[in-house]
Amino acid sequence: LEHSDRTAERLVEFFADAVDSGRSA
């Protein structure tokens, strides 16, 4: 709520990396 744009950007970045790592594994 306080930093919605930053939060969304960081979640997208993190989850994208996590999904890619999971697929590679």
PDBML (XML) file of the C-alpha atoms, coordinates in Angstrom:
<?xml version="1.0" encoding="UTF-8" ?>
<PDBx:datablock datablockName="MODEL"
   xmlns:PDBx="http://pdbml.pdb.org/schema/pdbx-v50.xsd"
   xmlns:xsi="http://www.w3.org/2001/XMLSchema-instance"
   xsi:schemaLocation="http://pdbml.pdb.org/schema/pdbx-v50.xsd pdbx-v50.xsd">
   <PDBx:atom_siteCategory>
      <PDBx:atom_site id="1">
         <PDBx:B_iso_or_equiv>0.00</PDBx:B_iso_or_equiv>
         <PDBx:Cartn_x>0.000</PDBx:Cartn_x>
         <PDBx:Cartn_y>0.000</PDBx:Cartn_y>
         <PDBx:Cartn_z>0.000</PDBx:Cartn_z>
         <PDBx:auth_asym_id>A</PDBx:auth_asym_id>
         <PDBx:auth_atom_id>CA</PDBx:auth_atom_id>
         <PDBx:auth_comp_id>LEU</PDBx:auth_comp_id>
         <PDBx:auth_seq_id>1</PDBx:auth_seq_id>
         <PDBx:group_PDB>ATOM</PDBx:group_PDB>
         <PDBx:label_alt_id xsi:nil="true" />
         <PDBx:label_asym_id>A</PDBx:label_asym_id>
         <PDBx:label_atom_id>CA</PDBx:label_atom_id>
         <PDBx:label_comp_id>LEU</PDBx:label_comp_id>
         <PDBx:label_entity_id>1</PDBx:label_entity_id>
         <PDBx:label_seq_id>1</PDBx:label_seq_id>
         <PDBx:occupancy>1.00</PDBx:occupancy>
         <PDBx:pdbx_PDB_model_num>1</PDBx:pdbx_PDB_model_num>
         <PDBx:type_symbol>C</PDBx:type_symbol>
      </PDBx:atom_site>
      <PDBx:atom_site id="2">
         <PDBx:B_iso_or_equiv>0.00</PDBx:B_iso_or_equiv>
         <PDBx:Cartn_x>2.724</PDBx:Cartn_x>
         <PDBx:Cartn_y>2.467</PDBx:Cartn_y>
         <PDBx:Cartn_z>0.929</PDBx:Cartn_z>
         <PDBx:auth_asym_id>A</PDBx:auth_asym_id>
         <PDBx:auth_atom_id>CA</PDBx:auth_atom_id>
         <PDBx:auth_comp_id>GLU</PDBx:auth_comp_id>
         <PDBx:auth_seq_id>2</PDBx:auth_seq_id>
         <PDBx:group_PDB>ATOM</PDBx:group_PDB>
         <PDBx:label_alt_id xsi:nil="true" />
         <PDBx:label_asym_id>A</PDBx:label_asym_id>
         <PDBx:label_atom_id>CA</PDBx:label_atom_id>
         <PDBx:label_comp_id>GLU</PDBx:label_comp_id>
         <PDBx:label_entity_id>1</PDBx:label_entity_id>
         <PDBx:label_seq_id>2</PDBx:label_seq_id>
         <PDBx:occupancy>1.00</PDBx:occupancy>
         <PDBx:pdbx_PDB_model_num>1</PDBx:pdbx_PDB_model_num>
         <PDBx:type_symbol>C</PDBx:type_symbol>
      </PDBx:atom_site>
      <PDBx:atom_site id="3">
         <PDBx:B_iso_or_equiv>0.00</PDBx:B_iso_or_equiv>
         <PDBx:Cartn_x>5.005</PDBx:Cartn_x>
         <PDBx:Cartn_y>1.684</PDBx:Cartn_y>
         <PDBx:Cartn_z>-2.022</PDBx:Cartn_z>
         <PDBx:auth_asym_id>A</PDBx:auth_asym_id>
         <PDBx:auth_atom_id>CA</PDBx:auth_atom_id>
         <PDBx:auth_comp_id>HIS</PDBx:auth_comp_id>
         <PDBx:auth_seq_id>3</PDBx:auth_seq_id>
         <PDBx:group_PDB>ATOM</PDBx:group_PDB>
         <PDBx:label_alt_id xsi:nil="true" />
         <PDBx:label_asym_id>A</PDBx:label_asym_id>
         <PDBx:label_atom_id>CA</PDBx:label_atom_id>
         <PDBx:label_comp_id>HIS</PDBx:label_comp_id>
         <PDBx:label_entity_id>1</PDBx:label_entity_id>
         <PDBx:label_seq_id>3</PDBx:label_seq_id>
         <PDBx:occupancy>1.00</PDBx:occupancy>
         <PDBx:pdbx_PDB_model_num>1</PDBx:pdbx_PDB_model_num>
         <PDBx:type_symbol>C</PDBx:type_symbol>
      </PDBx:atom_site>
      <PDBx:atom_site id="4">
         <PDBx:B_iso_or_equiv>0.00</PDBx:B_iso_or_equiv>
         <PDBx:Cartn_x>2.796</PDBx:Cartn_x>
         <PDBx:Cartn_y>-0.190</PDBx:Cartn_y>
         <PDBx:Cartn_z>-4.462</PDBx:Cartn_z>
         <PDBx:auth_asym_id>A</PDBx:auth_asym_id>
         <PDBx:auth_atom_id>CA</PDBx:auth_atom_id>
         <PDBx:auth_comp_id>SER</PDBx:auth_comp_id>
         <PDBx:auth_seq_id>4</PDBx:auth_seq_id>
         <PDBx:group_PDB>ATOM</PDBx:group_PDB>
         <PDBx:label_alt_id xsi:nil="true" />
         <PDBx:label_asym_id>A</PDBx:label_asym_id>
         <PDBx:label_atom_id>CA</PDBx:label_atom_id>
         <PDBx:label_comp_id>SER</PDBx:label_comp_id>
         <PDBx:label_entity_id>1</PDBx:label_entity_id>
         <PDBx:label_seq_id>4</PDBx:label_seq_id>
         <PDBx:occupancy>1.00</PDBx:occupancy>
         <PDBx:pdbx_PDB_model_num>1</PDBx:pdbx_PDB_model_num>
         <PDBx:type_symbol>C</PDBx:type_symbol>
      </PDBx:atom_site>
      <PDBx:atom_site id="5">
         <PDBx:B_iso_or_equiv>0.00</PDBx:B_iso_or_equiv>
         <PDBx:Cartn_x>4.865</PDBx:Cartn_x>
         <PDBx:Cartn_y>0.366</PDBx:Cartn_y>
         <PDBx:Cartn_z>-7.637</PDBx:Cartn_z>
         <PDBx:auth_asym_id>A</PDBx:auth_asym_id>
         <PDBx:auth_atom_id>CA</PDBx:auth_atom_id>
         <PDBx:auth_comp_id>ASP</PDBx:auth_comp_id>
         <PDBx:auth_seq_id>5</PDBx:auth_seq_id>
         <PDBx:group_PDB>ATOM</PDBx:group_PDB>
         <PDBx:label_alt_id xsi:nil="true" />
         <PDBx:label_asym_id>A</PDBx:label_asym_id>
         <PDBx:label_atom_id>CA</PDBx:label_atom_id>
         <PDBx:label_comp_id>ASP</PDBx:label_comp_id>
         <PDBx:label_entity_id>1</PDBx:label_entity_id>
         <PDBx:label_seq_id>5</PDBx:label_seq_id>
         <PDBx:occupancy>1.00</PDBx:occupancy>
         <PDBx:pdbx_PDB_model_num>1</PDBx:pdbx_PDB_model_num>
         <PDBx:type_symbol>C</PDBx:type_symbol>
      </PDBx:atom_site>
      <PDBx:atom_site id="6">
         <PDBx:B_iso_or_equiv>0.00</PDBx:B_iso_or_equiv>
         <PDBx:Cartn_x>8.109</PDBx:Cartn_x>
         <PDBx:Cartn_y>-0.696</PDBx:Cartn_y>
         <PDBx:Cartn_z>-5.995</PDBx:Cartn_z>
         <PDBx:auth_asym_id>A</PDBx:auth_asym_id>
         <PDBx:auth_atom_id>CA</PDBx:auth_atom_id>
         <PDBx:auth_comp_id>ARG</PDBx:auth_comp_id>
         <PDBx:auth_seq_id>6</PDBx:auth_seq_id>
         <PDBx:group_PDB>ATOM</PDBx:group_PDB>
         <PDBx:label_alt_id xsi:nil="true" />
         <PDBx:label_asym_id>A</PDBx:label_asym_id>
         <PDBx:label_atom_id>CA</PDBx:label_atom_id>
         <PDBx:label_comp_id>ARG</PDBx:label_comp_id>
         <PDBx:label_entity_id>1</PDBx:label_entity_id>
         <PDBx:label_seq_id>6</PDBx:label_seq_id>
         <PDBx:occupancy>1.00</PDBx:occupancy>
         <PDBx:pdbx_PDB_model_num>1</PDBx:pdbx_PDB_model_num>
         <PDBx:type_symbol>C</PDBx:type_symbol>
      </PDBx:atom_site>
      <PDBx:atom_site id="7">
         <PDBx:B_iso_or_equiv>0.00</PDBx:B_iso_or_equiv>
         <PDBx:Cartn_x>6.470</PDBx:Cartn_x>
         <PDBx:Cartn_y>-3.697</PDBx:Cartn_y>
         <PDBx:Cartn_z>-4.349</PDBx:Cartn_z>
         <PDBx:auth_asym_id>A</PDBx:auth_asym_id>
         <PDBx:auth_atom_id>CA</PDBx:auth_atom_id>
         <PDBx:auth_comp_id>THR</PDBx:auth_comp_id>
         <PDBx:auth_seq_id>7</PDBx:auth_seq_id>
         <PDBx:group_PDB>ATOM</PDBx:group_PDB>
         <PDBx:label_alt_id xsi:nil="true" />
         <PDBx:label_asym_id>A</PDBx:label_asym_id>
         <PDBx:label_atom_id>CA</PDBx:label_atom_id>
         <PDBx:label_comp_id>THR</PDBx:label_comp_id>
         <PDBx:label_entity_id>1</PDBx:label_entity_id>
         <PDBx:label_seq_id>7</PDBx:label_seq_id>
         <PDBx:occupancy>1.00</PDBx:occupancy>
         <PDBx:pdbx_PDB_model_num>1</PDBx:pdbx_PDB_model_num>
         <PDBx:type_symbol>C</PDBx:type_symbol>
      </PDBx:atom_site>
      <PDBx:atom_site id="8">
         <PDBx:B_iso_or_equiv>0.00</PDBx:B_iso_or_equiv>
         <PDBx:Cartn_x>4.937</PDBx:Cartn_x>
         <PDBx:Cartn_y>-4.913</PDBx:Cartn_y>
         <PDBx:Cartn_z>-7.605</PDBx:Cartn_z>
         <PDBx:auth_asym_id>A</PDBx:auth_asym_id>
         <PDBx:auth_atom_id>CA</PDBx:auth_atom_id>
         <PDBx:auth_comp_id>ALA</PDBx:auth_comp_id>
         <PDBx:auth_seq_id>8</PDBx:auth_seq_id>
         <PDBx:group_PDB>ATOM</PDBx:group_PDB>
         <PDBx:label_alt_id xsi:nil="true" />
         <PDBx:label_asym_id>A</PDBx:label_asym_id>
         <PDBx:label_atom_id>CA</PDBx:label_atom_id>
         <PDBx:label_comp_id>ALA</PDBx:label_comp_id>
         <PDBx:label_entity_id>1</PDBx:label_entity_id>
         <PDBx:label_seq_id>8</PDBx:label_seq_id>
         <PDBx:occupancy>1.00</PDBx:occupancy>
         <PDBx:pdbx_PDB_model_num>1</PDBx:pdbx_PDB_model_num>
         <PDBx:type_symbol>C</PDBx:type_symbol>
      </PDBx:atom_site>
      <PDBx:atom_site id="9">
         <PDBx:B_iso_or_equiv>0.00</PDBx:B_iso_or_equiv>
         <PDBx:Cartn_x>8.208</PDBx:Cartn_x>
         <PDBx:Cartn_y>-4.467</PDBx:Cartn_y>
         <PDBx:Cartn_z>-9.487</PDBx:Cartn_z>
         <PDBx:auth_asym_id>A</PDBx:auth_asym_id>
         <PDBx:auth_atom_id>CA</PDBx:auth_atom_id>
         <PDBx:auth_comp_id>GLU</PDBx:auth_comp_id>
         <PDBx:auth_seq_id>9</PDBx:auth_seq_id>
         <PDBx:group_PDB>ATOM</PDBx:group_PDB>
         <PDBx:label_alt_id xsi:nil="true" />
         <PDBx:label_asym_id>A</PDBx:label_asym_id>
         <PDBx:label_atom_id>CA</PDBx:label_atom_id>
         <PDBx:label_comp_id>GLU</PDBx:label_comp_id>
         <PDBx:label_entity_id>1</PDBx:label_entity_id>
         <PDBx:label_seq_id>9</PDBx:label_seq_id>
         <PDBx:occupancy>1.00</PDBx:occupancy>
         <PDBx:pdbx_PDB_model_num>1</PDBx:pdbx_PDB_model_num>
         <PDBx:type_symbol>C</PDBx:type_symbol>
      </PDBx:atom_site>
      <PDBx:atom_site id="10">
         <PDBx:B_iso_or_equiv>0.00</PDBx:B_iso_or_equiv>
         <PDBx:Cartn_x>10.226</PDBx:Cartn_x>
         <PDBx:Cartn_y>-6.370</PDBx:Cartn_y>
         <PDBx:Cartn_z>-6.889</PDBx:Cartn_z>
         <PDBx:auth_asym_id>A</PDBx:auth_asym_id>
         <PDBx:auth_atom_id>CA</PDBx:auth_atom_id>
         <PDBx:auth_comp_id>ARG</PDBx:auth_comp_id>
         <PDBx:auth_seq_id>10</PDBx:auth_seq_id>
         <PDBx:group_PDB>ATOM</PDBx:group_PDB>
         <PDBx:label_alt_id xsi:nil="true" />
         <PDBx:label_asym_id>A</PDBx:label_asym_id>
         <PDBx:label_atom_id>CA</PDBx:label_atom_id>
         <PDBx:label_comp_id>ARG</PDBx:label_comp_id>
         <PDBx:label_entity_id>1</PDBx:label_entity_id>
         <PDBx:label_seq_id>10</PDBx:label_seq_id>
         <PDBx:occupancy>1.00</PDBx:occupancy>
         <PDBx:pdbx_PDB_model_num>1</PDBx:pdbx_PDB_model_num>
         <PDBx:type_symbol>C</PDBx:type_symbol>
      </PDBx:atom_site>
      <PDBx:atom_site id="11">
         <PDBx:B_iso_or_equiv>0.00</PDBx:B_iso_or_equiv>
         <PDBx:Cartn_x>7.687</PDBx:Cartn_x>
         <PDBx:Cartn_y>-9.205</PDBx:Cartn_y>
         <PDBx:Cartn_z>-6.680</PDBx:Cartn_z>
         <PDBx:auth_asym_id>A</PDBx:auth_asym_id>
         <PDBx:auth_atom_id>CA</PDBx:auth_atom_id>
         <PDBx:auth_comp_id>LEU</PDBx:auth_comp_id>
         <PDBx:auth_seq_id>11</PDBx:auth_seq_id>
         <PDBx:group_PDB>ATOM</PDBx:group_PDB>
         <PDBx:label_alt_id xsi:nil="true" />
         <PDBx:label_asym_id>A</PDBx:label_asym_id>
         <PDBx:label_atom_id>CA</PDBx:label_atom_id>
         <PDBx:label_comp_id>LEU</PDBx:label_comp_id>
         <PDBx:label_entity_id>1</PDBx:label_entity_id>
         <PDBx:label_seq_id>11</PDBx:label_seq_id>
         <PDBx:occupancy>1.00</PDBx:occupancy>
         <PDBx:pdbx_PDB_model_num>1</PDBx:pdbx_PDB_model_num>
         <PDBx:type_symbol>C</PDBx:type_symbol>
      </PDBx:atom_site>
      <PDBx:atom_site id="12">
         <PDBx:B_iso_or_equiv>0.00</PDBx:B_iso_or_equiv>
         <PDBx:Cartn_x>7.634</PDBx:Cartn_x>
         <PDBx:Cartn_y>-9.590</PDBx:Cartn_y>
         <PDBx:Cartn_z>-10.453</PDBx:Cartn_z>
         <PDBx:auth_asym_id>A</PDBx:auth_asym_id>
         <PDBx:auth_atom_id>CA</PDBx:auth_atom_id>
         <PDBx:auth_comp_id>VAL</PDBx:auth_comp_id>
         <PDBx:auth_seq_id>12</PDBx:auth_seq_id>
         <PDBx:group_PDB>ATOM</PDBx:group_PDB>
         <PDBx:label_alt_id xsi:nil="true" />
         <PDBx:label_asym_id>A</PDBx:label_asym_id>
         <PDBx:label_atom_id>CA</PDBx:label_atom_id>
         <PDBx:label_comp_id>VAL</PDBx:label_comp_id>
         <PDBx:label_entity_id>1</PDBx:label_entity_id>
         <PDBx:label_seq_id>12</PDBx:label_seq_id>
         <PDBx:occupancy>1.00</PDBx:occupancy>
         <PDBx:pdbx_PDB_model_num>1</PDBx:pdbx_PDB_model_num>
         <PDBx:type_symbol>C</PDBx:type_symbol>
      </PDBx:atom_site>
      <PDBx:atom_site id="13">
         <PDBx:B_iso_or_equiv>0.00</PDBx:B_iso_or_equiv>
         <PDBx:Cartn_x>11.439</PDBx:Cartn_x>
         <PDBx:Cartn_y>-9.678</PDBx:Cartn_y>
         <PDBx:Cartn_z>-10.582</PDBx:Cartn_z>
         <PDBx:auth_asym_id>A</PDBx:auth_asym_id>
         <PDBx:auth_atom_id>CA</PDBx:auth_atom_id>
         <PDBx:auth_comp_id>GLU</PDBx:auth_comp_id>
         <PDBx:auth_seq_id>13</PDBx:auth_seq_id>
         <PDBx:group_PDB>ATOM</PDBx:group_PDB>
         <PDBx:label_alt_id xsi:nil="true" />
         <PDBx:label_asym_id>A</PDBx:label_asym_id>
         <PDBx:label_atom_id>CA</PDBx:label_atom_id>
         <PDBx:label_comp_id>GLU</PDBx:label_comp_id>
         <PDBx:label_entity_id>1</PDBx:label_entity_id>
         <PDBx:label_seq_id>13</PDBx:label_seq_id>
         <PDBx:occupancy>1.00</PDBx:occupancy>
         <PDBx:pdbx_PDB_model_num>1</PDBx:pdbx_PDB_model_num>
         <PDBx:type_symbol>C</PDBx:type_symbol>
      </PDBx:atom_site>
      <PDBx:atom_site id="14">
         <PDBx:B_iso_or_equiv>0.00</PDBx:B_iso_or_equiv>
         <PDBx:Cartn_x>11.744</PDBx:Cartn_x>
         <PDBx:Cartn_y>-12.186</PDBx:Cartn_y>
         <PDBx:Cartn_z>-7.765</PDBx:Cartn_z>
         <PDBx:auth_asym_id>A</PDBx:auth_asym_id>
         <PDBx:auth_atom_id>CA</PDBx:auth_atom_id>
         <PDBx:auth_comp_id>PHE</PDBx:auth_comp_id>
         <PDBx:auth_seq_id>14</PDBx:auth_seq_id>
         <PDBx:group_PDB>ATOM</PDBx:group_PDB>
         <PDBx:label_alt_id xsi:nil="true" />
         <PDBx:label_asym_id>A</PDBx:label_asym_id>
         <PDBx:label_atom_id>CA</PDBx:label_atom_id>
         <PDBx:label_comp_id>PHE</PDBx:label_comp_id>
         <PDBx:label_entity_id>1</PDBx:label_entity_id>
         <PDBx:label_seq_id>14</PDBx:label_seq_id>
         <PDBx:occupancy>1.00</PDBx:occupancy>
         <PDBx:pdbx_PDB_model_num>1</PDBx:pdbx_PDB_model_num>
         <PDBx:type_symbol>C</PDBx:type_symbol>
      </PDBx:atom_site>
      <PDBx:atom_site id="15">
         <PDBx:B_iso_or_equiv>0.00</PDBx:B_iso_or_equiv>
         <PDBx:Cartn_x>9.019</PDBx:Cartn_x>
         <PDBx:Cartn_y>-14.536</PDBx:Cartn_y>
         <PDBx:Cartn_z>-8.947</PDBx:Cartn_z>
         <PDBx:auth_asym_id>A</PDBx:auth_asym_id>
         <PDBx:auth_atom_id>CA</PDBx:auth_atom_id>
         <PDBx:auth_comp_id>PHE</PDBx:auth_comp_id>
         <PDBx:auth_seq_id>15</PDBx:auth_seq_id>
         <PDBx:group_PDB>ATOM</PDBx:group_PDB>
         <PDBx:label_alt_id xsi:nil="true" />
         <PDBx:label_asym_id>A</PDBx:label_asym_id>
         <PDBx:label_atom_id>CA</PDBx:label_atom_id>
         <PDBx:label_comp_id>PHE</PDBx:label_comp_id>
         <PDBx:label_entity_id>1</PDBx:label_entity_id>
         <PDBx:label_seq_id>15</PDBx:label_seq_id>
         <PDBx:occupancy>1.00</PDBx:occupancy>
         <PDBx:pdbx_PDB_model_num>1</PDBx:pdbx_PDB_model_num>
         <PDBx:type_symbol>C</PDBx:type_symbol>
      </PDBx:atom_site>
      <PDBx:atom_site id="16">
         <PDBx:B_iso_or_equiv>0.00</PDBx:B_iso_or_equiv>
         <PDBx:Cartn_x>10.305</PDBx:Cartn_x>
         <PDBx:Cartn_y>-14.441</PDBx:Cartn_y>
         <PDBx:Cartn_z>-12.532</PDBx:Cartn_z>
         <PDBx:auth_asym_id>A</PDBx:auth_asym_id>
         <PDBx:auth_atom_id>CA</PDBx:auth_atom_id>
         <PDBx:auth_comp_id>ALA</PDBx:auth_comp_id>
         <PDBx:auth_seq_id>16</PDBx:auth_seq_id>
         <PDBx:group_PDB>ATOM</PDBx:group_PDB>
         <PDBx:label_alt_id xsi:nil="true" />
         <PDBx:label_asym_id>A</PDBx:label_asym_id>
         <PDBx:label_atom_id>CA</PDBx:label_atom_id>
         <PDBx:label_comp_id>ALA</PDBx:label_comp_id>
         <PDBx:label_entity_id>1</PDBx:label_entity_id>
         <PDBx:label_seq_id>16</PDBx:label_seq_id>
         <PDBx:occupancy>1.00</PDBx:occupancy>
         <PDBx:pdbx_PDB_model_num>1</PDBx:pdbx_PDB_model_num>
         <PDBx:type_symbol>C</PDBx:type_symbol>
      </PDBx:atom_site>
      <PDBx:atom_site id="17">
         <PDBx:B_iso_or_equiv>0.00</PDBx:B_iso_or_equiv>
         <PDBx:Cartn_x>13.756</PDBx:Cartn_x>
         <PDBx:Cartn_y>-15.521</PDBx:Cartn_y>
         <PDBx:Cartn_z>-11.330</PDBx:Cartn_z>
         <PDBx:auth_asym_id>A</PDBx:auth_asym_id>
         <PDBx:auth_atom_id>CA</PDBx:auth_atom_id>
         <PDBx:auth_comp_id>ASP</PDBx:auth_comp_id>
         <PDBx:auth_seq_id>17</PDBx:auth_seq_id>
         <PDBx:group_PDB>ATOM</PDBx:group_PDB>
         <PDBx:label_alt_id xsi:nil="true" />
         <PDBx:label_asym_id>A</PDBx:label_asym_id>
         <PDBx:label_atom_id>CA</PDBx:label_atom_id>
         <PDBx:label_comp_id>ASP</PDBx:label_comp_id>
         <PDBx:label_entity_id>1</PDBx:label_entity_id>
         <PDBx:label_seq_id>17</PDBx:label_seq_id>
         <PDBx:occupancy>1.00</PDBx:occupancy>
         <PDBx:pdbx_PDB_model_num>1</PDBx:pdbx_PDB_model_num>
         <PDBx:type_symbol>C</PDBx:type_symbol>
      </PDBx:atom_site>
      <PDBx:atom_site id="18">
         <PDBx:B_iso_or_equiv>0.00</PDBx:B_iso_or_equiv>
         <PDBx:Cartn_x>12.227</PDBx:Cartn_x>
         <PDBx:Cartn_y>-18.193</PDBx:Cartn_y>
         <PDBx:Cartn_z>-9.076</PDBx:Cartn_z>
         <PDBx:auth_asym_id>A</PDBx:auth_asym_id>
         <PDBx:auth_atom_id>CA</PDBx:auth_atom_id>
         <PDBx:auth_comp_id>ALA</PDBx:auth_comp_id>
         <PDBx:auth_seq_id>18</PDBx:auth_seq_id>
         <PDBx:group_PDB>ATOM</PDBx:group_PDB>
         <PDBx:label_alt_id xsi:nil="true" />
         <PDBx:label_asym_id>A</PDBx:label_asym_id>
         <PDBx:label_atom_id>CA</PDBx:label_atom_id>
         <PDBx:label_comp_id>ALA</PDBx:label_comp_id>
         <PDBx:label_entity_id>1</PDBx:label_entity_id>
         <PDBx:label_seq_id>18</PDBx:label_seq_id>
         <PDBx:occupancy>1.00</PDBx:occupancy>
         <PDBx:pdbx_PDB_model_num>1</PDBx:pdbx_PDB_model_num>
         <PDBx:type_symbol>C</PDBx:type_symbol>
      </PDBx:atom_site>
      <PDBx:atom_site id="19">
         <PDBx:B_iso_or_equiv>0.00</PDBx:B_iso_or_equiv>
         <PDBx:Cartn_x>10.076</PDBx:Cartn_x>
         <PDBx:Cartn_y>-19.622</PDBx:Cartn_y>
         <PDBx:Cartn_z>-11.882</PDBx:Cartn_z>
         <PDBx:auth_asym_id>A</PDBx:auth_asym_id>
         <PDBx:auth_atom_id>CA</PDBx:auth_atom_id>
         <PDBx:auth_comp_id>VAL</PDBx:auth_comp_id>
         <PDBx:auth_seq_id>19</PDBx:auth_seq_id>
         <PDBx:group_PDB>ATOM</PDBx:group_PDB>
         <PDBx:label_alt_id xsi:nil="true" />
         <PDBx:label_asym_id>A</PDBx:label_asym_id>
         <PDBx:label_atom_id>CA</PDBx:label_atom_id>
         <PDBx:label_comp_id>VAL</PDBx:label_comp_id>
         <PDBx:label_entity_id>1</PDBx:label_entity_id>
         <PDBx:label_seq_id>19</PDBx:label_seq_id>
         <PDBx:occupancy>1.00</PDBx:occupancy>
         <PDBx:pdbx_PDB_model_num>1</PDBx:pdbx_PDB_model_num>
         <PDBx:type_symbol>C</PDBx:type_symbol>
      </PDBx:atom_site>
      <PDBx:atom_site id="20">
         <PDBx:B_iso_or_equiv>0.00</PDBx:B_iso_or_equiv>
         <PDBx:Cartn_x>13.016</PDBx:Cartn_x>
         <PDBx:Cartn_y>-19.648</PDBx:Cartn_y>
         <PDBx:Cartn_z>-14.326</PDBx:Cartn_z>
         <PDBx:auth_asym_id>A</PDBx:auth_asym_id>
         <PDBx:auth_atom_id>CA</PDBx:auth_atom_id>
         <PDBx:auth_comp_id>ASP</PDBx:auth_comp_id>
         <PDBx:auth_seq_id>20</PDBx:auth_seq_id>
         <PDBx:group_PDB>ATOM</PDBx:group_PDB>
         <PDBx:label_alt_id xsi:nil="true" />
         <PDBx:label_asym_id>A</PDBx:label_asym_id>
         <PDBx:label_atom_id>CA</PDBx:label_atom_id>
         <PDBx:label_comp_id>ASP</PDBx:label_comp_id>
         <PDBx:label_entity_id>1</PDBx:label_entity_id>
         <PDBx:label_seq_id>20</PDBx:label_seq_id>
         <PDBx:occupancy>1.00</PDBx:occupancy>
         <PDBx:pdbx_PDB_model_num>1</PDBx:pdbx_PDB_model_num>
         <PDBx:type_symbol>C</PDBx:type_symbol>
      </PDBx:atom_site>
      <PDBx:atom_site id="21">
         <PDBx:B_iso_or_equiv>0.00</PDBx:B_iso_or_equiv>
         <PDBx:Cartn_x>15.255</PDBx:Cartn_x>
         <PDBx:Cartn_y>-21.347</PDBx:Cartn_y>
         <PDBx:Cartn_z>-11.737</PDBx:Cartn_z>
         <PDBx:auth_asym_id>A</PDBx:auth_asym_id>
         <PDBx:auth_atom_id>CA</PDBx:auth_atom_id>
         <PDBx:auth_comp_id>SER</PDBx:auth_comp_id>
         <PDBx:auth_seq_id>21</PDBx:auth_seq_id>
         <PDBx:group_PDB>ATOM</PDBx:group_PDB>
         <PDBx:label_alt_id xsi:nil="true" />
         <PDBx:label_asym_id>A</PDBx:label_asym_id>
         <PDBx:label_atom_id>CA</PDBx:label_atom_id>
         <PDBx:label_comp_id>SER</PDBx:label_comp_id>
         <PDBx:label_entity_id>1</PDBx:label_entity_id>
         <PDBx:label_seq_id>21</PDBx:label_seq_id>
         <PDBx:occupancy>1.00</PDBx:occupancy>
         <PDBx:pdbx_PDB_model_num>1</PDBx:pdbx_PDB_model_num>
         <PDBx:type_symbol>C</PDBx:type_symbol>
      </PDBx:atom_site>
      <PDBx:atom_site id="22">
         <PDBx:B_iso_or_equiv>0.00</PDBx:B_iso_or_equiv>
         <PDBx:Cartn_x>12.553</PDBx:Cartn_x>
         <PDBx:Cartn_y>-23.914</PDBx:Cartn_y>
         <PDBx:Cartn_z>-11.064</PDBx:Cartn_z>
         <PDBx:auth_asym_id>A</PDBx:auth_asym_id>
         <PDBx:auth_atom_id>CA</PDBx:auth_atom_id>
         <PDBx:auth_comp_id>GLY</PDBx:auth_comp_id>
         <PDBx:auth_seq_id>22</PDBx:auth_seq_id>
         <PDBx:group_PDB>ATOM</PDBx:group_PDB>
         <PDBx:label_alt_id xsi:nil="true" />
         <PDBx:label_asym_id>A</PDBx:label_asym_id>
         <PDBx:label_atom_id>CA</PDBx:label_atom_id>
         <PDBx:label_comp_id>GLY</PDBx:label_comp_id>
         <PDBx:label_entity_id>1</PDBx:label_entity_id>
         <PDBx:label_seq_id>22</PDBx:label_seq_id>
         <PDBx:occupancy>1.00</PDBx:occupancy>
         <PDBx:pdbx_PDB_model_num>1</PDBx:pdbx_PDB_model_num>
         <PDBx:type_symbol>C</PDBx:type_symbol>
      </PDBx:atom_site>
      <PDBx:atom_site id="23">
         <PDBx:B_iso_or_equiv>0.00</PDBx:B_iso_or_equiv>
         <PDBx:Cartn_x>12.200</PDBx:Cartn_x>
         <PDBx:Cartn_y>-24.694</PDBx:Cartn_y>
         <PDBx:Cartn_z>-14.763</PDBx:Cartn_z>
         <PDBx:auth_asym_id>A</PDBx:auth_asym_id>
         <PDBx:auth_atom_id>CA</PDBx:auth_atom_id>
         <PDBx:auth_comp_id>ARG</PDBx:auth_comp_id>
         <PDBx:auth_seq_id>23</PDBx:auth_seq_id>
         <PDBx:group_PDB>ATOM</PDBx:group_PDB>
         <PDBx:label_alt_id xsi:nil="true" />
         <PDBx:label_asym_id>A</PDBx:label_asym_id>
         <PDBx:label_atom_id>CA</PDBx:label_atom_id>
         <PDBx:label_comp_id>ARG</PDBx:label_comp_id>
         <PDBx:label_entity_id>1</PDBx:label_entity_id>
         <PDBx:label_seq_id>23</PDBx:label_seq_id>
         <PDBx:occupancy>1.00</PDBx:occupancy>
         <PDBx:pdbx_PDB_model_num>1</PDBx:pdbx_PDB_model_num>
         <PDBx:type_symbol>C</PDBx:type_symbol>
      </PDBx:atom_site>
      <PDBx:atom_site id="24">
         <PDBx:B_iso_or_equiv>0.00</PDBx:B_iso_or_equiv>
         <PDBx:Cartn_x>15.986</PDBx:Cartn_x>
         <PDBx:Cartn_y>-25.044</PDBx:Cartn_y>
         <PDBx:Cartn_z>-15.127</PDBx:Cartn_z>
         <PDBx:auth_asym_id>A</PDBx:auth_asym_id>
         <PDBx:auth_atom_id>CA</PDBx:auth_atom_id>
         <PDBx:auth_comp_id>SER</PDBx:auth_comp_id>
         <PDBx:auth_seq_id>24</PDBx:auth_seq_id>
         <PDBx:group_PDB>ATOM</PDBx:group_PDB>
         <PDBx:label_alt_id xsi:nil="true" />
         <PDBx:label_asym_id>A</PDBx:label_asym_id>
         <PDBx:label_atom_id>CA</PDBx:label_atom_id>
         <PDBx:label_comp_id>SER</PDBx:label_comp_id>
         <PDBx:label_entity_id>1</PDBx:label_entity_id>
         <PDBx:label_seq_id>24</PDBx:label_seq_id>
         <PDBx:occupancy>1.00</PDBx:occupancy>
         <PDBx:pdbx_PDB_model_num>1</PDBx:pdbx_PDB_model_num>
         <PDBx:type_symbol>C</PDBx:type_symbol>
      </PDBx:atom_site>
      <PDBx:atom_site id="25">
         <PDBx:B_iso_or_equiv>0.00</PDBx:B_iso_or_equiv>
         <PDBx:Cartn_x>16.139</PDBx:Cartn_x>
         <PDBx:Cartn_y>-27.391</PDBx:Cartn_y>
         <PDBx:Cartn_z>-12.160</PDBx:Cartn_z>
         <PDBx:auth_asym_id>A</PDBx:auth_asym_id>
         <PDBx:auth_atom_id>CA</PDBx:auth_atom_id>
         <PDBx:auth_comp_id>ALA</PDBx:auth_comp_id>
         <PDBx:auth_seq_id>25</PDBx:auth_seq_id>
         <PDBx:group_PDB>ATOM</PDBx:group_PDB>
         <PDBx:label_alt_id xsi:nil="true" />
         <PDBx:label_asym_id>A</PDBx:label_asym_id>
         <PDBx:label_atom_id>CA</PDBx:label_atom_id>
         <PDBx:label_comp_id>ALA</PDBx:label_comp_id>
         <PDBx:label_entity_id>1</PDBx:label_entity_id>
         <PDBx:label_seq_id>25</PDBx:label_seq_id>
         <PDBx:occupancy>1.00</PDBx:occupancy>
         <PDBx:pdbx_PDB_model_num>1</PDBx:pdbx_PDB_model_num>
         <PDBx:type_symbol>C</PDBx:type_symbol>
      </PDBx:atom_site>
   </PDBx:atom_siteCategory>
</PDBx:datablock>
